[in-house]
Amino acid sequence: MASIIPFPALKDNYIWLLTDINHRYAAIVDPSKAEPILDYLEQNTLTPIAILITHHHWDHVGGIEDIIQHYTIPVYTPANETVTCSTHPVKEGDIVSLNEINLSLSVIDVPGHTAGAVAYYSDTVVFSGDTLFTAGCGRMFEGTPVQMHHSLEKFKTLNRQSLLYCGHEYTEANLQFALAVEPDNEAIKDRLLDVKRLREQNKPSVPSNISIELETNPFLRCREASVIKAASNYIGESIHQPHEVFAVIRQWKDNF
């Protein structure tokens, strides 16, 4: 695999295009819109080989139908969700082999943001959709705090150098909240400065990597004393269980 190309779409979404080293083939992750992808494929004489979907929300699936009107390719979607045009439902333990771009992606179930969300990962990349964001996590539209916390814990087991590709450009706002939770965390302060520089130049702040997330993402740090203390102070009572800490800081973030 040679490159992963970001396509900003809608207000703050990212569509990801994965290409091979010779720039002949491409896989598409979470196409909210078809137009920018179809234009790029045609202009660069790229042959698409697959569409991968992390969850059913309209801003991640809106471009599927138009793309498959032009190309007959498999559409991988969460097995526990209904997605129009799905050809290959996938669940945890499945492997998506993208041979033309020399990449195999394993699937993990990560419910919480939606009831059946999945993520795709290898030793080098992670496509997390709206479950794990850079410096944050998604809202719980269909899941429970226990589910979402369990899903986020799965990302912590992945290769720490794996690049994290999520579905939205939320990093700066997420880091501002992270700093409210851990005002003495120097890694958060440094990262926020770096992200502000990138955004001032209209450059993506995504990807990050798992190692950076473990240092700066409060939703992956629910076992840290500083985060436990902040969550306890926020609700005015002592809590200790990681899923309880997660629930409090997710509610805090909703109101931030």
C-alpha atoms as a PDB file:
ATOM      1  CA  MET A   1       0.000   0.000   0.000  1.00  0.00           C
ATOM      2  CA  ALA A   2       1.479   3.308  -1.057  1.00  0.00           C
ATOM      3  CA  SER A   3      -0.759   5.995   0.366  1.00  0.00           C
ATOM      4  CA  ILE A   4      -3.965   6.910   2.137  1.00  0.00           C
ATOM      5  CA  ILE A   5      -5.540  10.011   0.705  1.00  0.00           C
ATOM      6  CA  PRO A   6      -7.997  12.159   2.696  1.00  0.00           C
ATOM      7  CA  PHE A   7     -11.050  13.631   0.995  1.00  0.00           C
ATOM      8  CA  PRO A   8     -12.765  16.246   3.161  1.00  0.00           C
ATOM      9  CA  ALA A   9     -16.526  16.094   2.670  1.00  0.00           C
ATOM     10  CA  LEU A  10     -19.683  17.687   4.037  1.00  0.00           C
ATOM     11  CA  LYS A  11     -18.913  19.858   7.068  1.00  0.00           C
ATOM     12  CA  ASP A  12     -16.068  17.939   8.694  1.00  0.00           C
ATOM     13  CA  ASN A  13     -16.125  14.337   7.397  1.00  0.00           C
ATOM     14  CA  TYR A  14     -13.227  12.440   5.918  1.00  0.00           C
ATOM     15  CA  ILE A  15     -13.476   9.862   3.159  1.00  0.00           C
ATOM     16  CA  TRP A  16     -10.330   7.735   2.942  1.00  0.00           C
ATOM     17  CA  LEU A  17      -8.913   6.379  -0.307  1.00  0.00           C
ATOM     18  CA  LEU A  18      -6.296   3.621  -0.008  1.00  0.00           C
ATOM     19  CA  THR A  19      -4.072   3.092  -3.053  1.00  0.00           C
ATOM     20  CA  ASP A  20      -1.381   0.649  -4.119  1.00  0.00           C
ATOM     21  CA  ILE A  21       2.247   1.561  -4.686  1.00  0.00           C
ATOM     22  CA  ASN A  22       1.723   1.933  -8.438  1.00  0.00           C
ATOM     23  CA  HIS A  23      -1.420   4.013  -7.989  1.00  0.00           C
ATOM     24  CA  ARG A  24      -3.567   1.691 -10.081  1.00  0.00           C
ATOM     25  CA  TYR A  25      -6.096   0.391  -7.534  1.00  0.00           C
ATOM     26  CA  ALA A  26      -8.015   1.920  -4.657  1.00  0.00           C
ATOM     27  CA  ALA A  27     -10.227   0.974  -1.729  1.00  0.00           C
ATOM     28  CA  ILE A  28     -12.702   3.483  -0.319  1.00  0.00           C
ATOM     29  CA  VAL A  29     -13.562   3.906   3.363  1.00  0.00           C
ATOM     30  CA  ASP A  30     -16.829   5.577   4.461  1.00  0.00           C
ATOM     31  CA  PRO A  31     -17.807   7.505   1.313  1.00  0.00           C
ATOM     32  CA  SER A  32     -20.229  10.184   2.486  1.00  0.00           C
ATOM     33  CA  LYS A  33     -20.315  11.546  -1.066  1.00  0.00           C
ATOM     34  CA  ALA A  34     -19.518   9.968  -4.414  1.00  0.00           C
ATOM     35  CA  GLU A  35     -18.466  12.970  -6.498  1.00  0.00           C
ATOM     36  CA  PRO A  36     -14.959  13.656  -5.193  1.00  0.00           C
ATOM     37  CA  ILE A  37     -14.098   9.963  -5.272  1.00  0.00           C
ATOM     38  CA  LEU A  38     -15.475   9.330  -8.750  1.00  0.00           C
ATOM     39  CA  ASP A  39     -13.682  12.409 -10.088  1.00  0.00           C
ATOM     40  CA  TYR A  40     -10.367  11.364  -8.557  1.00  0.00           C
ATOM     41  CA  LEU A  41     -10.654   7.779  -9.791  1.00  0.00           C
ATOM     42  CA  GLU A  42     -11.344   8.949 -13.334  1.00  0.00           C
ATOM     43  CA  GLN A  43      -8.679  11.654 -13.396  1.00  0.00           C
ATOM     44  CA  ASN A  44      -6.010   9.269 -12.105  1.00  0.00           C
ATOM     45  CA  THR A  45      -7.145   6.131 -13.979  1.00  0.00           C
ATOM     46  CA  LEU A  46      -7.600   4.250 -10.712  1.00  0.00           C
ATOM     47  CA  THR A  47      -9.665   1.071 -10.464  1.00  0.00           C
ATOM     48  CA  PRO A  48     -11.666   0.774  -7.231  1.00  0.00           C
ATOM     49  CA  ILE A  49     -11.656  -2.666  -5.624  1.00  0.00           C
ATOM     50  CA  ALA A  50     -13.872  -2.280  -2.537  1.00  0.00           C
ATOM     51  CA  ILE A  51     -15.872  -0.010  -0.272  1.00  0.00           C
ATOM     52  CA  LEU A  52     -15.494  -0.421   3.502  1.00  0.00           C
ATOM     53  CA  ILE A  53     -18.138   0.958   5.865  1.00  0.00           C
ATOM     54  CA  THR A  54     -17.682   1.421   9.623  1.00  0.00           C
ATOM     55  CA  HIS A  55     -21.310   2.194  10.556  1.00  0.00           C
ATOM     56  CA  HIS A  56     -24.662   3.005   9.035  1.00  0.00           C
ATOM     57  CA  HIS A  57     -24.922   6.776   9.561  1.00  0.00           C
ATOM     58  CA  TRP A  58     -25.822   8.698   6.410  1.00  0.00           C
ATOM     59  CA  ASP A  59     -22.643  10.776   6.460  1.00  0.00           C
ATOM     60  CA  HIS A  60     -20.586   7.602   6.042  1.00  0.00           C
ATOM     61  CA  VAL A  61     -22.669   5.748   3.483  1.00  0.00           C
ATOM     62  CA  GLY A  62     -24.226   8.455   1.312  1.00  0.00           C
ATOM     63  CA  GLY A  63     -21.943   7.903  -1.669  1.00  0.00           C
ATOM     64  CA  ILE A  64     -22.180   4.117  -1.940  1.00  0.00           C
ATOM     65  CA  GLU A  65     -25.067   3.908  -4.369  1.00  0.00           C
ATOM     66  CA  ASP A  66     -23.587   6.339  -6.903  1.00  0.00           C
ATOM     67  CA  ILE A  67     -20.173   4.665  -6.761  1.00  0.00           C
ATOM     68  CA  ILE A  68     -21.509   1.179  -7.418  1.00  0.00           C
ATOM     69  CA  GLN A  69     -23.535   2.483 -10.349  1.00  0.00           C
ATOM     70  CA  HIS A  70     -20.174   3.131 -11.986  1.00  0.00           C
ATOM     71  CA  TYR A  71     -18.189   0.177 -10.618  1.00  0.00           C
ATOM     72  CA  THR A  72     -19.152  -3.372  -9.620  1.00  0.00           C
ATOM     73  CA  ILE A  73     -17.216  -3.818  -6.395  1.00  0.00           C
ATOM     74  CA  PRO A  74     -17.840  -5.444  -2.993  1.00  0.00           C
ATOM     75  CA  VAL A  75     -19.287  -3.324  -0.200  1.00  0.00           C
ATOM     76  CA  TYR A  76     -18.176  -4.418   3.274  1.00  0.00           C
ATOM     77  CA  THR A  77     -20.530  -3.324   6.050  1.00  0.00           C
ATOM     78  CA  PRO A  78     -21.183  -4.143   9.724  1.00  0.00           C
ATOM     79  CA  ALA A  79     -23.049  -7.431  10.011  1.00  0.00           C
ATOM     80  CA  ASN A  80     -25.181  -6.090  12.858  1.00  0.00           C
ATOM     81  CA  GLU A  81     -26.397  -3.027  10.977  1.00  0.00           C
ATOM     82  CA  THR A  82     -28.495  -2.473   7.865  1.00  0.00           C
ATOM     83  CA  VAL A  83     -26.643  -0.634   5.110  1.00  0.00           C
ATOM     84  CA  THR A  84     -28.112  -0.242   1.636  1.00  0.00           C
ATOM     85  CA  CYS A  85     -26.097  -1.969  -1.100  1.00  0.00           C
ATOM     86  CA  SER A  86     -24.154  -4.177   1.314  1.00  0.00           C
ATOM     87  CA  THR A  87     -22.626  -7.242  -0.312  1.00  0.00           C
ATOM     88  CA  HIS A  88     -20.304  -8.496   2.438  1.00  0.00           C
ATOM     89  CA  PRO A  89     -21.492  -8.181   6.068  1.00  0.00           C
ATOM     90  CA  VAL A  90     -18.498  -8.400   8.422  1.00  0.00           C
ATOM     91  CA  LYS A  91     -18.037  -8.924  12.149  1.00  0.00           C
ATOM     92  CA  GLU A  92     -15.222  -9.303  14.642  1.00  0.00           C
ATOM     93  CA  GLY A  93     -12.725 -11.932  13.557  1.00  0.00           C
ATOM     94  CA  ASP A  94     -13.346 -11.466   9.838  1.00  0.00           C
ATOM     95  CA  ILE A  95     -10.541 -10.389   7.511  1.00  0.00           C
ATOM     96  CA  VAL A  96     -10.962  -8.159   4.474  1.00  0.00           C
ATOM     97  CA  SER A  97      -8.267  -9.032   1.948  1.00  0.00           C
ATOM     98  CA  LEU A  98      -7.449  -6.177  -0.409  1.00  0.00           C
ATOM     99  CA  ASN A  99      -4.885  -8.037  -2.469  1.00  0.00           C
ATOM    100  CA  GLU A 100      -4.500  -5.431  -5.197  1.00  0.00           C
ATOM    101  CA  ILE A 101      -3.184  -2.910  -2.684  1.00  0.00           C
ATOM    102  CA  ASN A 102      -1.305  -5.507  -0.632  1.00  0.00           C
ATOM    103  CA  LEU A 103      -3.333  -4.996   2.522  1.00  0.00           C
ATOM    104  CA  SER A 104      -5.401  -7.223   4.788  1.00  0.00           C
ATOM    105  CA  LEU A 105      -7.633  -5.612   7.390  1.00  0.00           C
ATOM    106  CA  SER A 106      -9.030  -7.413  10.420  1.00  0.00           C
ATOM    107  CA  VAL A 107     -12.447  -6.491  11.775  1.00  0.00           C
ATOM    108  CA  ILE A 108     -13.403  -5.717  15.371  1.00  0.00           C
ATOM    109  CA  ASP A 109     -16.872  -5.012  16.702  1.00  0.00           C
ATOM    110  CA  VAL A 110     -16.968  -1.620  18.415  1.00  0.00           C
ATOM    111  CA  PRO A 111     -20.602  -0.894  19.391  1.00  0.00           C
ATOM    112  CA  GLY A 112     -21.471   2.250  21.288  1.00  0.00           C
ATOM    113  CA  HIS A 113     -21.707   5.091  18.807  1.00  0.00           C
ATOM    114  CA  THR A 114     -24.049   2.830  16.861  1.00  0.00           C
ATOM    115  CA  ALA A 115     -25.311  -0.610  17.801  1.00  0.00           C
ATOM    116  CA  GLY A 116     -23.166  -2.551  15.341  1.00  0.00           C
ATOM    117  CA  ALA A 117     -20.207  -0.344  14.444  1.00  0.00           C
ATOM    118  CA  VAL A 118     -16.982  -1.999  13.332  1.00  0.00           C
ATOM    119  CA  ALA A 119     -13.393  -0.904  12.875  1.00  0.00           C
ATOM    120  CA  TYR A 120     -10.829  -2.202  10.382  1.00  0.00           C
ATOM    121  CA  TYR A 121      -7.176  -2.574  11.355  1.00  0.00           C
ATOM    122  CA  SER A 122      -3.784  -3.984  10.465  1.00  0.00           C
ATOM    123  CA  ASP A 123      -0.392  -3.672  12.138  1.00  0.00           C
ATOM    124  CA  THR A 124       0.010  -0.246  10.554  1.00  0.00           C
ATOM    125  CA  VAL A 125      -3.426   1.370  10.188  1.00  0.00           C
ATOM    126  CA  VAL A 126      -6.765   1.627  11.990  1.00  0.00           C
ATOM    127  CA  PHE A 127     -10.023   2.889  10.475  1.00  0.00           C
ATOM    128  CA  SER A 128     -12.185   3.651  13.475  1.00  0.00           C
ATOM    129  CA  GLY A 129     -15.140   5.496  11.951  1.00  0.00           C
ATOM    130  CA  ASP A 130     -16.867   7.524  14.663  1.00  0.00           C
ATOM    131  CA  THR A 131     -16.067   5.237  17.593  1.00  0.00           C
ATOM    132  CA  LEU A 132     -12.555   6.464  18.368  1.00  0.00           C
ATOM    133  CA  PHE A 133     -11.679   9.979  17.254  1.00  0.00           C
ATOM    134  CA  THR A 134      -8.314  11.660  17.387  1.00  0.00           C
ATOM    135  CA  ALA A 135      -8.252  12.896  21.011  1.00  0.00           C
ATOM    136  CA  GLY A 136     -11.883  11.908  21.548  1.00  0.00           C
ATOM    137  CA  CYS A 137     -14.682   9.435  20.910  1.00  0.00           C
ATOM    138  CA  GLY A 138     -18.126   9.449  19.353  1.00  0.00           C
ATOM    139  CA  ARG A 139     -21.387  10.167  21.068  1.00  0.00           C
ATOM    140  CA  MET A 140     -23.412   7.169  22.206  1.00  0.00           C
ATOM    141  CA  PHE A 141     -26.412   7.304  19.901  1.00  0.00           C
ATOM    142  CA  GLU A 142     -27.315   3.623  20.150  1.00  0.00           C
ATOM    143  CA  GLY A 143     -25.087   2.083  22.809  1.00  0.00           C
ATOM    144  CA  THR A 144     -24.389   2.224  26.535  1.00  0.00           C
ATOM    145  CA  PRO A 145     -21.381   3.581  28.426  1.00  0.00           C
ATOM    146  CA  VAL A 146     -20.332   0.020  29.298  1.00  0.00           C
ATOM    147  CA  GLN A 147     -20.440  -0.985  25.608  1.00  0.00           C
ATOM    148  CA  MET A 148     -18.595   2.094  24.420  1.00  0.00           C
ATOM    149  CA  HIS A 149     -15.900   1.817  27.066  1.00  0.00           C
ATOM    150  CA  HIS A 150     -15.398  -1.848  26.199  1.00  0.00           C
ATOM    151  CA  SER A 151     -15.083  -0.948  22.529  1.00  0.00           C
ATOM    152  CA  LEU A 152     -12.519   1.765  23.225  1.00  0.00           C
ATOM    153  CA  GLU A 153     -10.476  -0.641  25.338  1.00  0.00           C
ATOM    154  CA  LYS A 154     -10.030  -2.797  22.227  1.00  0.00           C
ATOM    155  CA  PHE A 155      -8.161  -0.009  20.453  1.00  0.00           C
ATOM    156  CA  LYS A 156      -5.690   0.127  23.338  1.00  0.00           C
ATOM    157  CA  THR A 157      -4.529  -3.416  22.498  1.00  0.00           C
ATOM    158  CA  LEU A 158      -3.498  -2.528  18.925  1.00  0.00           C
ATOM    159  CA  ASN A 159       0.010  -1.733  17.736  1.00  0.00           C
ATOM    160  CA  ARG A 160       0.931   1.588  19.320  1.00  0.00           C
ATOM    161  CA  GLN A 161       2.494   2.866  16.102  1.00  0.00           C
ATOM    162  CA  SER A 162      -0.603   2.122  14.020  1.00  0.00           C
ATOM    163  CA  LEU A 163      -1.923   5.230  12.300  1.00  0.00           C
ATOM    164  CA  LEU A 164      -5.455   6.147  13.359  1.00  0.00           C
ATOM    165  CA  TYR A 165      -7.833   7.287  10.623  1.00  0.00           C
ATOM    166  CA  CYS A 166     -11.190   8.412  11.998  1.00  0.00           C
ATOM    167  CA  GLY A 167     -14.282   9.841  10.356  1.00  0.00           C
ATOM    168  CA  HIS A 168     -14.179  13.529  11.292  1.00  0.00           C
ATOM    169  CA  GLU A 169     -11.906  16.525  11.797  1.00  0.00           C
ATOM    170  CA  TYR A 170     -12.601  17.079  15.492  1.00  0.00           C
ATOM    171  CA  THR A 171      -9.100  17.003  16.954  1.00  0.00           C
ATOM    172  CA  GLU A 172      -8.720  20.615  18.054  1.00  0.00           C
ATOM    173  CA  ALA A 173     -12.047  20.735  19.882  1.00  0.00           C
ATOM    174  CA  ASN A 174     -11.377  17.319  21.405  1.00  0.00           C
ATOM    175  CA  LEU A 175      -7.997  18.459  22.726  1.00  0.00           C
ATOM    176  CA  GLN A 176      -9.532  21.550  24.281  1.00  0.00           C
ATOM    177  CA  PHE A 177     -11.825  19.263  26.234  1.00  0.00           C
ATOM    178  CA  ALA A 178      -8.949  16.896  27.052  1.00  0.00           C
ATOM    179  CA  LEU A 179      -7.084  19.842  28.557  1.00  0.00           C
ATOM    180  CA  ALA A 180     -10.085  20.651  30.742  1.00  0.00           C
ATOM    181  CA  VAL A 181      -9.962  17.089  32.070  1.00  0.00           C
ATOM    182  CA  GLU A 182      -6.171  17.037  32.520  1.00  0.00           C
ATOM    183  CA  PRO A 183      -4.918  20.639  32.709  1.00  0.00           C
ATOM    184  CA  ASP A 184      -1.430  19.502  33.756  1.00  0.00           C
ATOM    185  CA  ASN A 185      -0.938  17.028  30.903  1.00  0.00           C
ATOM    186  CA  GLU A 186       1.973  18.461  28.899  1.00  0.00           C
ATOM    187  CA  ALA A 187       1.430  16.021  26.029  1.00  0.00           C
ATOM    188  CA  ILE A 188      -2.060  17.454  25.500  1.00  0.00           C
ATOM    189  CA  LYS A 189      -0.738  21.011  25.549  1.00  0.00           C
ATOM    190  CA  ASP A 190       1.957  20.209  22.996  1.00  0.00           C
ATOM    191  CA  ARG A 191      -0.432  18.331  20.759  1.00  0.00           C
ATOM    192  CA  LEU A 192      -2.972  21.143  20.832  1.00  0.00           C
ATOM    193  CA  LEU A 193      -0.346  23.614  19.635  1.00  0.00           C
ATOM    194  CA  ASP A 194       0.665  21.277  16.814  1.00  0.00           C
ATOM    195  CA  VAL A 195      -2.930  20.735  15.727  1.00  0.00           C
ATOM    196  CA  LYS A 196      -3.691  24.456  15.771  1.00  0.00           C
ATOM    197  CA  ARG A 197      -0.737  25.035  13.411  1.00  0.00           C
ATOM    198  CA  LEU A 198      -2.001  22.352  11.052  1.00  0.00           C
ATOM    199  CA  ARG A 199      -5.548  23.687  11.006  1.00  0.00           C
ATOM    200  CA  GLU A 200      -4.362  27.265  10.440  1.00  0.00           C
ATOM    201  CA  GLN A 201      -2.755  25.910   7.251  1.00  0.00           C
ATOM    202  CA  ASN A 202      -5.964  24.035   6.408  1.00  0.00           C
ATOM    203  CA  LYS A 203      -4.161  20.711   6.772  1.00  0.00           C
ATOM    204  CA  PRO A 204      -5.745  17.589   8.313  1.00  0.00           C
ATOM    205  CA  SER A 205      -4.903  16.730  11.900  1.00  0.00           C
ATOM    206  CA  VAL A 206      -5.705  13.104  11.078  1.00  0.00           C
ATOM    207  CA  PRO A 207      -4.106  10.585  11.266  1.00  0.00           C
ATOM    208  CA  SER A 208      -2.564  10.307  14.684  1.00  0.00           C
ATOM    209  CA  ASN A 209      -1.364   7.038  16.158  1.00  0.00           C
ATOM    210  CA  ILE A 210      -2.413   4.821  19.035  1.00  0.00           C
ATOM    211  CA  SER A 211       0.577   5.855  21.142  1.00  0.00           C
ATOM    212  CA  ILE A 212      -0.371   9.546  20.961  1.00  0.00           C
ATOM    213  CA  GLU A 213      -3.971   8.693  21.776  1.00  0.00           C
ATOM    214  CA  LEU A 214      -2.946   6.788  24.893  1.00  0.00           C
ATOM    215  CA  GLU A 215      -1.135   9.910  26.122  1.00  0.00           C
ATOM    216  CA  THR A 216      -3.718  12.543  25.236  1.00  0.00           C
ATOM    217  CA  ASN A 217      -7.183  11.043  24.700  1.00  0.00           C
ATOM    218  CA  PRO A 218      -9.138  11.145  27.982  1.00  0.00           C
ATOM    219  CA  PHE A 219     -11.525   8.436  26.812  1.00  0.00           C
ATOM    220  CA  LEU A 220      -8.607   5.998  26.615  1.00  0.00           C
ATOM    221  CA  ARG A 221      -7.285   7.164  29.991  1.00  0.00           C
ATOM    222  CA  CYS A 222     -10.167   6.231  32.284  1.00  0.00           C
ATOM    223  CA  ARG A 223      -7.816   4.206  34.492  1.00  0.00           C
ATOM    224  CA  GLU A 224      -5.462   7.162  35.050  1.00  0.00           C
ATOM    225  CA  ALA A 225      -5.604   8.812  38.486  1.00  0.00           C
ATOM    226  CA  SER A 226      -5.805  12.299  36.987  1.00  0.00           C
ATOM    227  CA  VAL A 227      -8.835  11.411  34.862  1.00  0.00           C
ATOM    228  CA  ILE A 228     -10.539   9.547  37.710  1.00  0.00           C
ATOM    229  CA  LYS A 229     -10.050  12.604  39.948  1.00  0.00           C
ATOM    230  CA  ALA A 230     -11.402  14.989  37.299  1.00  0.00           C
ATOM    231  CA  ALA A 231     -14.492  12.848  36.713  1.00  0.00           C
ATOM    232  CA  SER A 232     -15.124  12.535  40.450  1.00  0.00           C
ATOM    233  CA  ASN A 233     -14.792  16.292  40.912  1.00  0.00           C
ATOM    234  CA  TYR A 234     -17.160  16.930  38.006  1.00  0.00           C
ATOM    235  CA  ILE A 235     -20.024  14.993  39.588  1.00  0.00           C
ATOM    236  CA  GLY A 236     -19.089  15.715  43.201  1.00  0.00           C
ATOM    237  CA  GLU A 237     -18.678  12.122  44.311  1.00  0.00           C
ATOM    238  CA  SER A 238     -15.919   9.531  44.269  1.00  0.00           C
ATOM    239  CA  ILE A 239     -15.981   7.024  41.405  1.00  0.00           C
ATOM    240  CA  HIS A 240     -13.389   4.405  40.504  1.00  0.00           C
ATOM    241  CA  GLN A 241     -14.685   1.950  37.911  1.00  0.00           C
ATOM    242  CA  PRO A 242     -13.298   2.808  34.444  1.00  0.00           C
ATOM    243  CA  HIS A 243     -16.693   2.517  32.742  1.00  0.00           C
ATOM    244  CA  GLU A 244     -18.169   4.904  35.316  1.00  0.00           C
ATOM    245  CA  VAL A 245     -15.344   7.357  34.699  1.00  0.00           C
ATOM    246  CA  PHE A 246     -15.962   7.051  30.983  1.00  0.00           C
ATOM    247  CA  ALA A 247     -19.687   7.714  31.392  1.00  0.00           C
ATOM    248  CA  VAL A 248     -19.011  10.877  33.380  1.00  0.00           C
ATOM    249  CA  ILE A 249     -16.462  12.369  31.016  1.00  0.00           C
ATOM    250  CA  ARG A 250     -18.613  11.497  27.986  1.00  0.00           C
ATOM    251  CA  GLN A 251     -21.514  13.382  29.611  1.00  0.00           C
ATOM    252  CA  TRP A 252     -19.099  16.200  30.474  1.00  0.00           C
ATOM    253  CA  LYS A 253     -17.969  16.379  26.860  1.00  0.00           C
ATOM    254  CA  ASP A 254     -21.590  16.462  25.645  1.00  0.00           C
ATOM    255  CA  ASN A 255     -22.101  19.613  27.726  1.00  0.00           C
ATOM    256  CA  PHE A 256     -18.675  21.150  27.122  1.00  0.00           C
END
